[in-house]
C-alpha atoms as a PDB file:
ATOM      1  CA  UNK A   1     -37.626 -26.202 -19.104  1.00  0.00           C
ATOM      2  CA  UNK A   2     -35.585 -26.969 -22.210  1.00  0.00           C
ATOM      3  CA  UNK A   3     -32.623 -29.143 -21.258  1.00  0.00           C
ATOM      4  CA  UNK A   4     -32.257 -30.429 -24.816  1.00  0.00           C
ATOM      5  CA  UNK A   5     -30.394 -27.237 -25.687  1.00  0.00           C
ATOM      6  CA  UNK A   6     -27.852 -27.906 -22.929  1.00  0.00           C
ATOM      7  CA  UNK A   7     -27.406 -31.500 -24.090  1.00  0.00           C
ATOM      8  CA  UNK A   8     -26.905 -30.350 -27.679  1.00  0.00           C
ATOM      9  CA  UNK A   9     -24.156 -27.987 -26.535  1.00  0.00           C
ATOM     10  CA  UNK A  10     -22.271 -30.333 -24.199  1.00  0.00           C
ATOM     11  CA  UNK A  11     -19.291 -30.137 -26.543  1.00  0.00           C
ATOM     12  CA  UNK A  12     -19.118 -26.370 -26.068  1.00  0.00           C
ATOM     13  CA  UNK A  13     -19.361 -26.803 -22.307  1.00  0.00           C
ATOM     14  CA  UNK A  14     -16.502 -29.315 -22.446  1.00  0.00           C
ATOM     15  CA  UNK A  15     -14.340 -26.829 -24.372  1.00  0.00           C
ATOM     16  CA  UNK A  16     -15.291 -24.072 -21.942  1.00  0.00           C
ATOM     17  CA  UNK A  17     -14.466 -26.286 -18.965  1.00  0.00           C
ATOM     18  CA  UNK A  18     -11.063 -27.131 -20.428  1.00  0.00           C
ATOM     19  CA  UNK A  19     -10.322 -23.422 -20.940  1.00  0.00           C
ATOM     20  CA  UNK A  20     -11.399 -22.671 -17.360  1.00  0.00           C
ATOM     21  CA  UNK A  21      -9.081 -25.400 -16.065  1.00  0.00           C
ATOM     22  CA  UNK A  22      -6.167 -24.098 -18.148  1.00  0.00           C
ATOM     23  CA  UNK A  23      -6.721 -20.528 -17.004  1.00  0.00           C
ATOM     24  CA  UNK A  24      -6.901 -21.662 -13.380  1.00  0.00           C
ATOM     25  CA  UNK A  25      -3.891 -23.978 -13.433  1.00  0.00           C
ATOM     26  CA  UNK A  26      -1.557 -21.627 -15.318  1.00  0.00           C
ATOM     27  CA  UNK A  27      -2.607 -18.612 -13.235  1.00  0.00           C
ATOM     28  CA  UNK A  28      -2.296 -20.412  -9.903  1.00  0.00           C
ATOM     29  CA  UNK A  29       1.049 -22.011 -10.729  1.00  0.00           C
ATOM     30  CA  UNK A  30       2.588 -18.761 -11.957  1.00  0.00           C
ATOM     31  CA  UNK A  31       1.130 -16.738  -9.080  1.00  0.00           C
ATOM     32  CA  UNK A  32       2.473 -19.317  -6.611  1.00  0.00           C
ATOM     33  CA  UNK A  33       6.010 -18.990  -7.976  1.00  0.00           C
ATOM     34  CA  UNK A  34       5.741 -15.204  -7.923  1.00  0.00           C
ATOM     35  CA  UNK A  35       4.299 -15.066  -4.407  1.00  0.00           C
ATOM     36  CA  UNK A  36       7.032 -17.171  -2.781  1.00  0.00           C
ATOM     37  CA  UNK A  37       9.835 -14.578  -3.066  1.00  0.00           C
ATOM     38  CA  UNK A  38       7.393 -11.700  -2.576  1.00  0.00           C
ATOM     39  CA  UNK A  39       6.276 -13.212   0.745  1.00  0.00           C
ATOM     40  CA  UNK A  40       9.839 -13.097   2.015  1.00  0.00           C
ATOM     41  CA  UNK A  41      10.229  -9.517   0.771  1.00  0.00           C
ATOM     42  CA  UNK A  42       6.912  -8.651   2.457  1.00  0.00           C
ATOM     43  CA  UNK A  43       8.553  -9.571   5.774  1.00  0.00           C
ATOM     44  CA  UNK A  44      11.914  -8.038   4.878  1.00  0.00           C
ATOM     45  CA  UNK A  45      13.721  -5.741   7.289  1.00  0.00           C
ATOM     46  CA  UNK A  46      14.260  -3.338   4.398  1.00  0.00           C
ATOM     47  CA  UNK A  47      11.474  -0.770   4.445  1.00  0.00           C
ATOM     48  CA  UNK A  48      11.913  -0.085   0.729  1.00  0.00           C
ATOM     49  CA  UNK A  49      11.390  -3.727  -0.218  1.00  0.00           C
ATOM     50  CA  UNK A  50       8.630  -4.272   2.326  1.00  0.00           C
ATOM     51  CA  UNK A  51       6.630  -1.214   1.337  1.00  0.00           C
ATOM     52  CA  UNK A  52       7.087  -1.896  -2.373  1.00  0.00           C
ATOM     53  CA  UNK A  53       5.425  -5.283  -1.921  1.00  0.00           C
ATOM     54  CA  UNK A  54       2.733  -3.750   0.298  1.00  0.00           C
ATOM     55  CA  UNK A  55       1.976  -1.173  -2.394  1.00  0.00           C
ATOM     56  CA  UNK A  56       1.615  -3.913  -5.011  1.00  0.00           C
ATOM     57  CA  UNK A  57      -0.651  -6.118  -2.901  1.00  0.00           C
ATOM     58  CA  UNK A  58      -2.746  -3.123  -1.817  1.00  0.00           C
ATOM     59  CA  UNK A  59      -3.422  -2.045  -5.400  1.00  0.00           C
ATOM     60  CA  UNK A  60      -4.417  -5.491  -6.648  1.00  0.00           C
ATOM     61  CA  UNK A  61      -6.389  -6.489  -3.548  1.00  0.00           C
ATOM     62  CA  UNK A  62      -8.057  -3.101  -3.275  1.00  0.00           C
ATOM     63  CA  UNK A  63      -9.489  -2.852  -6.796  1.00  0.00           C
ATOM     64  CA  UNK A  64     -12.065  -5.122  -8.496  1.00  0.00           C
ATOM     65  CA  UNK A  65     -10.684  -7.844 -10.726  1.00  0.00           C
ATOM     66  CA  UNK A  66     -12.970  -6.822 -13.582  1.00  0.00           C
ATOM     67  CA  UNK A  67     -11.614  -3.262 -13.467  1.00  0.00           C
ATOM     68  CA  UNK A  68      -8.059  -4.628 -13.618  1.00  0.00           C
ATOM     69  CA  UNK A  69      -8.973  -6.807 -16.597  1.00  0.00           C
ATOM     70  CA  UNK A  70     -10.597  -3.909 -18.458  1.00  0.00           C
ATOM     71  CA  UNK A  71      -7.663  -1.597 -17.747  1.00  0.00           C
ATOM     72  CA  UNK A  72      -5.187  -4.093 -19.194  1.00  0.00           C
ATOM     73  CA  UNK A  73      -7.213  -5.350 -22.166  1.00  0.00           C
ATOM     74  CA  UNK A  74      -9.009  -2.160 -23.187  1.00  0.00           C
ATOM     75  CA  UNK A  75      -7.017   0.540 -21.419  1.00  0.00           C
ATOM     76  CA  UNK A  76      -3.528  -0.242 -22.712  1.00  0.00           C
ATOM     77  CA  UNK A  77      -4.810  -0.078 -26.287  1.00  0.00           C
ATOM     78  CA  UNK A  78      -5.248   3.677 -25.825  1.00  0.00           C
ATOM     79  CA  UNK A  79      -1.466   4.227 -25.828  1.00  0.00           C
ATOM     80  CA  UNK A  80      -0.192   4.511 -29.389  1.00  0.00           C
ATOM     81  CA  UNK A  81       3.415   4.160 -28.244  1.00  0.00           C
ATOM     82  CA  UNK A  82       2.616   0.782 -26.715  1.00  0.00           C
ATOM     83  CA  UNK A  83       0.883  -0.399 -29.879  1.00  0.00           C
ATOM     84  CA  UNK A  84       4.122   0.085 -31.810  1.00  0.00           C
ATOM     85  CA  UNK A  85       6.256  -2.068 -29.509  1.00  0.00           C
ATOM     86  CA  UNK A  86       7.007  -5.788 -29.625  1.00  0.00           C
ATOM     87  CA  UNK A  87       4.737  -6.212 -26.588  1.00  0.00           C
ATOM     88  CA  UNK A  88       1.584  -5.370 -28.518  1.00  0.00           C
ATOM     89  CA  UNK A  89       1.014  -8.836 -30.079  1.00  0.00           C
ATOM     90  CA  UNK A  90       0.913 -10.166 -26.508  1.00  0.00           C
ATOM     91  CA  UNK A  91      -1.106  -7.356 -24.961  1.00  0.00           C
ATOM     92  CA  UNK A  92      -3.656  -7.490 -27.776  1.00  0.00           C
ATOM     93  CA  UNK A  93      -4.354 -11.156 -27.004  1.00  0.00           C
ATOM     94  CA  UNK A  94      -7.364 -11.656 -24.713  1.00  0.00           C
ATOM     95  CA  UNK A  95      -5.900 -14.920 -23.411  1.00  0.00           C
ATOM     96  CA  UNK A  96      -2.587 -13.309 -22.452  1.00  0.00           C
ATOM     97  CA  UNK A  97      -4.294 -10.293 -20.866  1.00  0.00           C
ATOM     98  CA  UNK A  98      -6.622 -12.498 -18.843  1.00  0.00           C
ATOM     99  CA  UNK A  99      -3.737 -14.664 -17.635  1.00  0.00           C
ATOM    100  CA  UNK A 100      -1.624 -11.607 -16.789  1.00  0.00           C
ATOM    101  CA  UNK A 101      -4.380 -10.069 -14.660  1.00  0.00           C
ATOM    102  CA  UNK A 102      -5.290 -13.349 -12.967  1.00  0.00           C
ATOM    103  CA  UNK A 103      -1.635 -14.003 -12.115  1.00  0.00           C
ATOM    104  CA  UNK A 104      -0.992 -10.524 -10.706  1.00  0.00           C
ATOM    105  CA  UNK A 105      -4.250 -10.532  -8.739  1.00  0.00           C
ATOM    106  CA  UNK A 106      -3.802 -14.012  -7.296  1.00  0.00           C
ATOM    107  CA  UNK A 107      -0.133 -13.360  -6.522  1.00  0.00           C
ATOM    108  CA  UNK A 108      -1.125 -10.314  -4.469  1.00  0.00           C
ATOM    109  CA  UNK A 109      -3.508 -12.338  -2.298  1.00  0.00           C
ATOM    110  CA  UNK A 110      -1.152 -15.312  -2.121  1.00  0.00           C
ATOM    111  CA  UNK A 111       1.756 -13.088  -1.079  1.00  0.00           C
ATOM    112  CA  UNK A 112      -0.165 -11.839   1.940  1.00  0.00           C
ATOM    113  CA  UNK A 113      -1.295 -15.381   2.799  1.00  0.00           C
ATOM    114  CA  UNK A 114       2.251 -16.745   2.610  1.00  0.00           C
ATOM    115  CA  UNK A 115       3.730 -13.754   4.445  1.00  0.00           C
ATOM    116  CA  UNK A 116       1.331 -14.423   7.323  1.00  0.00           C
ATOM    117  CA  UNK A 117       2.347 -18.087   7.280  1.00  0.00           C
ATOM    118  CA  UNK A 118       6.008 -17.122   7.539  1.00  0.00           C
ATOM    119  CA  UNK A 119       5.284 -14.926  10.546  1.00  0.00           C
ATOM    120  CA  UNK A 120       3.488 -17.862  12.204  1.00  0.00           C
ATOM    121  CA  UNK A 121       6.551 -20.145  12.147  1.00  0.00           C
ATOM    122  CA  UNK A 122       7.722 -20.706  15.743  1.00  0.00           C
ATOM    123  CA  UNK A 123      10.978 -18.996  16.688  1.00  0.00           C
ATOM    124  CA  UNK A 124      12.290 -22.335  17.933  1.00  0.00           C
ATOM    125  CA  UNK A 125      12.380 -23.717  14.394  1.00  0.00           C
ATOM    126  CA  UNK A 126      14.261 -20.661  13.173  1.00  0.00           C
ATOM    127  CA  UNK A 127      16.759 -20.881  16.024  1.00  0.00           C
ATOM    128  CA  UNK A 128      17.259 -24.593  15.328  1.00  0.00           C
ATOM    129  CA  UNK A 129      18.105 -23.829  11.693  1.00  0.00           C
ATOM    130  CA  UNK A 130      20.610 -21.217  12.806  1.00  0.00           C
ATOM    131  CA  UNK A 131      22.131 -23.634  15.327  1.00  0.00           C
ATOM    132  CA  UNK A 132      22.651 -26.215  12.570  1.00  0.00           C
ATOM    133  CA  UNK A 133      24.402 -23.580  10.479  1.00  0.00           C
ATOM    134  CA  UNK A 134      21.831 -23.505   7.673  1.00  0.00           C
ATOM    135  CA  UNK A 135      22.467 -20.921   4.976  1.00  0.00           C
ATOM    136  CA  UNK A 136      19.538 -18.536   4.329  1.00  0.00           C
ATOM    137  CA  UNK A 137      18.681 -20.414   1.130  1.00  0.00           C
ATOM    138  CA  UNK A 138      18.770 -23.814   2.812  1.00  0.00           C
ATOM    139  CA  UNK A 139      16.755 -22.516   5.776  1.00  0.00           C
ATOM    140  CA  UNK A 140      14.145 -21.151   3.381  1.00  0.00           C
ATOM    141  CA  UNK A 141      13.953 -24.468   1.509  1.00  0.00           C
ATOM    142  CA  UNK A 142      13.983 -26.772   4.536  1.00  0.00           C
ATOM    143  CA  UNK A 143      12.260 -24.704   7.253  1.00  0.00           C
ATOM    144  CA  UNK A 144      10.458 -21.576   6.108  1.00  0.00           C
ATOM    145  CA  UNK A 145       8.697 -22.720   2.930  1.00  0.00           C
ATOM    146  CA  UNK A 146       7.466 -26.114   4.257  1.00  0.00           C
ATOM    147  CA  UNK A 147       6.360 -24.511   7.537  1.00  0.00           C
ATOM    148  CA  UNK A 148       4.622 -21.687   5.736  1.00  0.00           C
ATOM    149  CA  UNK A 149       2.822 -23.937   3.246  1.00  0.00           C
ATOM    150  CA  UNK A 150       1.598 -26.366   5.925  1.00  0.00           C
ATOM    151  CA  UNK A 151       0.129 -23.495   7.946  1.00  0.00           C
ATOM    152  CA  UNK A 152      -1.536 -21.724   5.032  1.00  0.00           C
ATOM    153  CA  UNK A 153      -3.052 -24.676   3.141  1.00  0.00           C
ATOM    154  CA  UNK A 154      -6.701 -24.046   4.199  1.00  0.00           C
ATOM    155  CA  UNK A 155      -6.552 -20.328   3.374  1.00  0.00           C
ATOM    156  CA  UNK A 156      -4.621 -20.909   0.165  1.00  0.00           C
ATOM    157  CA  UNK A 157      -7.202 -23.535  -0.813  1.00  0.00           C
ATOM    158  CA  UNK A 158      -9.870 -20.835  -0.595  1.00  0.00           C
ATOM    159  CA  UNK A 159      -7.760 -18.600  -2.846  1.00  0.00           C
ATOM    160  CA  UNK A 160      -7.524 -21.406  -5.403  1.00  0.00           C
ATOM    161  CA  UNK A 161     -11.294 -21.787  -5.479  1.00  0.00           C
ATOM    162  CA  UNK A 162     -11.870 -18.032  -5.659  1.00  0.00           C
ATOM    163  CA  UNK A 163      -9.488 -17.690  -8.599  1.00  0.00           C
ATOM    164  CA  UNK A 164     -11.148 -20.561 -10.420  1.00  0.00           C
ATOM    165  CA  UNK A 165     -14.487 -18.789 -10.000  1.00  0.00           C
ATOM    166  CA  UNK A 166     -12.904 -15.484 -11.059  1.00  0.00           C
ATOM    167  CA  UNK A 167     -11.960 -16.963 -14.432  1.00  0.00           C
ATOM    168  CA  UNK A 168     -15.625 -16.453 -15.346  1.00  0.00           C
ATOM    169  CA  UNK A 169     -14.670 -12.810 -15.969  1.00  0.00           C
ATOM    170  CA  UNK A 170     -12.595 -13.938 -18.952  1.00  0.00           C
ATOM    171  CA  UNK A 171     -15.830 -14.037 -20.937  1.00  0.00           C
ATOM    172  CA  UNK A 172     -15.921 -10.229 -20.786  1.00  0.00           C
ATOM    173  CA  UNK A 173     -12.869 -10.150 -23.074  1.00  0.00           C
ATOM    174  CA  UNK A 174     -14.294 -12.667 -25.569  1.00  0.00           C
ATOM    175  CA  UNK A 175     -12.855 -15.873 -24.077  1.00  0.00           C
ATOM    176  CA  UNK A 176     -15.332 -18.724 -24.187  1.00  0.00           C
ATOM    177  CA  UNK A 177     -14.854 -20.399 -20.831  1.00  0.00           C
ATOM    178  CA  UNK A 178     -17.796 -21.891 -18.927  1.00  0.00           C
ATOM    179  CA  UNK A 179     -19.646 -18.634 -18.301  1.00  0.00           C
ATOM    180  CA  UNK A 180     -18.957 -17.420 -21.841  1.00  0.00           C
ATOM    181  CA  UNK A 181     -20.478 -20.594 -23.254  1.00  0.00           C
ATOM    182  CA  UNK A 182     -23.572 -20.212 -21.064  1.00  0.00           C
ATOM    183  CA  UNK A 183     -23.949 -16.580 -22.137  1.00  0.00           C
ATOM    184  CA  UNK A 184     -23.702 -17.466 -25.818  1.00  0.00           C
ATOM    185  CA  UNK A 185     -26.339 -20.153 -25.458  1.00  0.00           C
ATOM    186  CA  UNK A 186     -28.729 -17.721 -23.781  1.00  0.00           C
ATOM    187  CA  UNK A 187     -28.239 -15.269 -26.654  1.00  0.00           C
ATOM    188  CA  UNK A 188     -28.623 -17.853 -29.383  1.00  0.00           C
ATOM    189  CA  UNK A 189     -31.564 -19.800 -27.934  1.00  0.00           C
ATOM    190  CA  UNK A 190     -33.302 -17.109 -25.857  1.00  0.00           C
ATOM    191  CA  UNK A 191     -33.346 -19.172 -22.677  1.00  0.00           C
ATOM    192  CA  UNK A 192     -31.885 -17.922 -19.410  1.00  0.00           C
ATOM    193  CA  UNK A 193     -32.143 -20.572 -16.707  1.00  0.00           C
ATOM    194  CA  UNK A 194     -30.833 -23.848 -18.094  1.00  0.00           C
ATOM    195  CA  UNK A 195     -27.467 -22.652 -19.523  1.00  0.00           C
ATOM    196  CA  UNK A 196     -26.467 -20.998 -16.244  1.00  0.00           C
ATOM    197  CA  UNK A 197     -27.688 -23.916 -14.127  1.00  0.00           C
ATOM    198  CA  UNK A 198     -25.447 -26.180 -16.215  1.00  0.00           C
ATOM    199  CA  UNK A 199     -22.556 -23.742 -15.723  1.00  0.00           C
ATOM    200  CA  UNK A 200     -23.182 -23.673 -11.972  1.00  0.00           C
ATOM    201  CA  UNK A 201     -23.097 -27.480 -11.815  1.00  0.00           C
ATOM    202  CA  UNK A 202     -19.730 -27.532 -13.608  1.00  0.00           C
ATOM    203  CA  UNK A 203     -18.276 -24.880 -11.294  1.00  0.00           C
ATOM    204  CA  UNK A 204     -19.598 -26.776  -8.274  1.00  0.00           C
ATOM    205  CA  UNK A 205     -17.964 -29.988  -9.498  1.00  0.00           C
ATOM    206  CA  UNK A 206     -14.615 -28.290 -10.073  1.00  0.00           C
ATOM    207  CA  UNK A 207     -14.825 -26.639  -6.651  1.00  0.00           C
ATOM    208  CA  UNK A 208     -15.561 -29.982  -4.985  1.00  0.00           C
ATOM    209  CA  UNK A 209     -12.485 -31.521  -6.633  1.00  0.00           C
ATOM    210  CA  UNK A 210     -10.331 -28.641  -5.355  1.00  0.00           C
ATOM    211  CA  UNK A 211     -11.759 -28.921  -1.834  1.00  0.00           C
ATOM    212  CA  UNK A 212     -11.029 -32.653  -1.676  1.00  0.00           C
ATOM    213  CA  UNK A 213      -7.504 -32.126  -3.035  1.00  0.00           C
ATOM    214  CA  UNK A 214      -6.765 -29.443  -0.434  1.00  0.00           C
ATOM    215  CA  UNK A 215      -8.169 -31.581   2.380  1.00  0.00           C
ATOM    216  CA  UNK A 216      -6.000 -34.532   1.337  1.00  0.00           C
ATOM    217  CA  UNK A 217      -2.937 -32.284   1.148  1.00  0.00           C
ATOM    218  CA  UNK A 218      -3.767 -30.842   4.563  1.00  0.00           C
ATOM    219  CA  UNK A 219      -3.985 -34.314   6.107  1.00  0.00           C
ATOM    220  CA  UNK A 220      -0.723 -35.335   4.468  1.00  0.00           C
ATOM    221  CA  UNK A 221       1.386 -32.253   5.143  1.00  0.00           C
ATOM    222  CA  UNK A 222      -0.330 -30.367   7.970  1.00  0.00           C
ATOM    223  CA  UNK A 223      -1.719 -33.135  10.158  1.00  0.00           C
ATOM    224  CA  UNK A 224       0.743 -32.274  12.945  1.00  0.00           C
ATOM    225  CA  UNK A 225      -0.996 -28.907  13.376  1.00  0.00           C
ATOM    226  CA  UNK A 226      -4.365 -30.421  14.235  1.00  0.00           C
ATOM    227  CA  UNK A 227      -5.408 -30.409  17.904  1.00  0.00           C
ATOM    228  CA  UNK A 228      -4.521 -33.568  19.784  1.00  0.00           C
ATOM    229  CA  UNK A 229      -1.490 -34.346  17.632  1.00  0.00           C
END
């Protein structure tokens, strides 16, 4: 086994890791902000609003992420009208396209996770907010969102890890994140095992950090939900 090649390319792995972290953080943060209002609309009494959100989440959860990425990055280029608009400099950027797809995909999953968390809030808490005369906005900020987040932390933690792993698909549109770096090394040095083992170790380390962070957050904010409390 030739680990010298991996050692020689540690700088490239560091750059790829930093890109993976940026893709993950920006995508998760944006998807989180998008999913919060969508979760409320997902549980709306209005059938139009509810079914519009259901249609969106169904499309993005029901199709492979790679297909979505190819449709946006390669597919939109087929429309000449789009290429002549001010959007084209953005849509021709692999970084923007990757972020757009990751955000929309993660937001679809997160919306369903958060909507389920909202439905799990006890009616007593809702009635208490109404009894105190909370406005809908204040009730959402003080009751619904904290209650929903505390109940969905473990599931949402899995979504965070899955999205971080999904950023490996960015290499298919020329972005050199961790997997892209490993692929380039295999092509340049004609070795298959070592570059991907190194990539797997980096992904495992990042996943472990996320798991610990979620567990700490769960103890801090959702400890009251554990049995015996």
